[in-house]
Amino acid sequence: MASLQITAAFMGIGLAVLILYLIRRGHLYLMHGLFWVVVASGAAVLGAWPGLIDILARAMGISYPPALLLLLACMVLLVKALHTDMINTRVERDVRRLNQRLAMLEADNESIREACQGDDTFAATGVRHGR
């Protein structure tokens, strides 16, 4: 049983180190990475002290401790999915607003270009007269 504890603890620590490496290299956004570091740290703690899940389950009135572990895992993934959807919604809204602003700027640019082409004195000399 001790080798299982050591293996689980090292897997959690290894996952935390991998996540920190990905954050440092810019492959993972800092706030997302910190979430996963917390999850990996929790896995390392539960791996090092597997009796902790039994104590928590007993305190919560759950008779089968692995059910608590599965419930916690599902809740973590649900929270992460919700957070990701919130971020995606914000990004999509920002992209839509940027596209609208770009369309307005392109329309303004086109109207200025047409006005400049219609003004012969500006087209020839680059200086507007009388407007």
Protein backbone atom coordinates (compact mmCIF):
# COMPACT_ATOMS: atom_id res chain seq x y z
CA MET A 1 0.00 0.00 0.00
CA ALA A 2 2.89 2.39 0.70
CA SER A 3 4.13 2.13 -2.89
CA LEU A 4 0.67 3.11 -4.15
CA GLN A 5 0.72 6.18 -1.91
CA ILE A 6 4.18 7.17 -3.10
CA THR A 7 3.24 6.61 -6.75
CA ALA A 8 0.04 8.66 -6.45
CA ALA A 9 1.83 11.47 -4.61
CA PHE A 10 4.61 11.60 -7.20
CA MET A 11 2.06 11.59 -10.03
CA GLY A 12 0.33 14.60 -8.48
CA ILE A 13 3.63 16.41 -7.95
CA GLY A 14 4.76 15.51 -11.48
CA LEU A 15 1.52 16.86 -12.92
CA ALA A 16 1.94 20.10 -10.97
CA VAL A 17 5.52 20.47 -12.25
CA LEU A 18 4.38 19.79 -15.84
CA ILE A 19 1.66 22.42 -15.55
CA LEU A 20 4.10 25.00 -14.17
CA TYR A 21 6.47 24.19 -17.06
CA LEU A 22 3.63 24.70 -19.58
CA ILE A 23 2.75 28.04 -17.97
CA ARG A 24 6.38 29.15 -18.05
CA ARG A 25 6.74 28.24 -21.73
CA GLY A 26 3.54 30.09 -22.59
CA HIS A 27 1.60 26.99 -23.66
CA LEU A 28 -0.97 27.42 -20.91
CA TYR A 29 -2.66 30.60 -19.72
CA LEU A 30 -1.71 31.47 -16.13
CA MET A 31 -5.20 31.39 -14.60
CA HIS A 32 -6.03 28.06 -16.26
CA GLY A 33 -2.72 26.64 -15.16
CA LEU A 34 -3.19 27.72 -11.56
CA PHE A 35 -6.51 25.90 -11.49
CA TRP A 36 -4.83 22.70 -12.66
CA VAL A 37 -1.94 23.18 -10.22
CA VAL A 38 -4.49 23.28 -7.38
CA VAL A 39 -6.10 20.10 -8.73
CA ALA A 40 -2.71 18.39 -9.04
CA SER A 41 -1.77 19.48 -5.52
CA GLY A 42 -5.02 18.01 -4.23
CA ALA A 43 -4.22 14.77 -6.00
CA ALA A 44 -0.75 14.76 -4.45
CA VAL A 45 -2.21 15.33 -0.96
CA LEU A 46 -4.80 12.58 -1.40
CA GLY A 47 -2.10 10.31 -2.79
CA ALA A 48 0.20 10.93 0.14
CA TRP A 49 -2.57 10.59 2.75
CA PRO A 50 -5.26 8.28 1.35
CA GLY A 51 -6.90 8.09 4.77
CA LEU A 52 -7.88 11.74 4.30
CA ILE A 53 -10.58 10.78 1.80
CA ASP A 54 -11.97 8.30 4.36
CA ILE A 55 -12.08 11.01 7.04
CA LEU A 56 -13.76 13.49 4.68
CA ALA A 57 -16.30 10.89 3.52
CA ARG A 58 -17.14 9.92 7.10
CA ALA A 59 -17.54 13.62 8.05
CA MET A 60 -19.90 14.14 5.12
CA GLY A 61 -21.90 10.99 5.89
CA ILE A 62 -20.80 9.10 2.77
CA SER A 63 -20.41 5.39 3.49
CA TYR A 64 -18.30 4.54 0.43
CA PRO A 65 -15.24 6.89 0.34
CA PRO A 66 -14.35 6.33 -3.36
CA ALA A 67 -17.79 7.75 -4.22
CA LEU A 68 -16.69 11.04 -2.63
CA LEU A 69 -13.55 10.98 -4.72
CA LEU A 70 -15.59 10.49 -7.91
CA LEU A 71 -18.02 13.20 -6.84
CA LEU A 72 -15.15 15.63 -6.25
CA ALA A 73 -13.63 14.77 -9.62
CA CYS A 74 -16.96 15.35 -11.38
CA MET A 75 -17.44 18.66 -9.57
CA VAL A 76 -13.94 19.85 -10.51
CA LEU A 77 -14.56 19.01 -14.16
CA LEU A 78 -18.00 20.63 -14.09
CA VAL A 79 -16.58 23.84 -12.59
CA LYS A 80 -13.78 23.85 -15.16
CA ALA A 81 -16.24 23.35 -18.03
CA LEU A 82 -18.42 26.18 -16.74
CA HIS A 83 -15.42 28.49 -16.37
CA THR A 84 -14.26 27.62 -19.88
CA ASP A 85 -17.71 28.38 -21.30
CA MET A 86 -17.70 31.74 -19.53
CA ILE A 87 -14.32 32.59 -21.04
CA ASN A 88 -15.40 31.43 -24.52
CA THR A 89 -18.54 33.58 -24.28
CA ARG A 90 -16.49 36.63 -23.37
CA VAL A 91 -14.00 36.00 -26.19
CA GLU A 92 -16.78 35.49 -28.75
CA ARG A 93 -18.47 38.73 -27.62
CA ASP A 94 -15.18 40.63 -27.89
CA VAL A 95 -14.47 39.20 -31.34
CA ARG A 96 -17.96 40.18 -32.51
CA ARG A 97 -17.45 43.74 -31.22
CA LEU A 98 -14.04 43.96 -32.89
CA ASN A 99 -15.54 42.76 -36.18
CA GLN A 100 -18.24 45.41 -35.93
CA ARG A 101 -15.67 48.12 -35.24
CA LEU A 102 -13.51 46.92 -38.11
CA ALA A 103 -16.51 47.00 -40.47
CA MET A 104 -17.29 50.58 -39.38
CA LEU A 105 -13.68 51.65 -39.88
CA GLU A 106 -13.55 50.03 -43.32
CA ALA A 107 -16.79 51.80 -44.27
CA ASP A 108 -15.39 55.15 -43.07
CA ASN A 109 -12.13 54.50 -44.92
CA GLU A 110 -14.02 53.67 -48.12
CA SER A 111 -16.18 56.81 -47.88
CA ILE A 112 -13.07 58.96 -47.32
CA ARG A 113 -11.36 57.30 -50.28
CA GLU A 114 -14.37 57.96 -52.50
CA ALA A 115 -14.53 61.57 -51.34
CA CYS A 116 -10.84 62.03 -52.07
CA GLN A 117 -11.12 60.52 -55.53
CA GLY A 118 -14.06 62.78 -56.31
CA ASP A 119 -12.10 65.88 -55.35
CA ASP A 120 -9.81 66.56 -58.36
CA THR A 121 -7.76 69.25 -56.64
CA PHE A 122 -6.98 66.94 -53.74
CA ALA A 123 -6.15 64.04 -56.03
CA ALA A 124 -3.71 66.13 -58.07
CA THR A 125 -2.01 68.14 -55.33
CA GLY A 126 -2.82 66.37 -52.10
CA VAL A 127 -4.21 69.66 -50.67
CA ARG A 128 -7.89 70.47 -50.36
CA HIS A 129 -9.06 73.89 -51.51
CA GLY A 130 -12.25 75.58 -50.46
CA ARG A 131 -13.78 72.88 -48.29
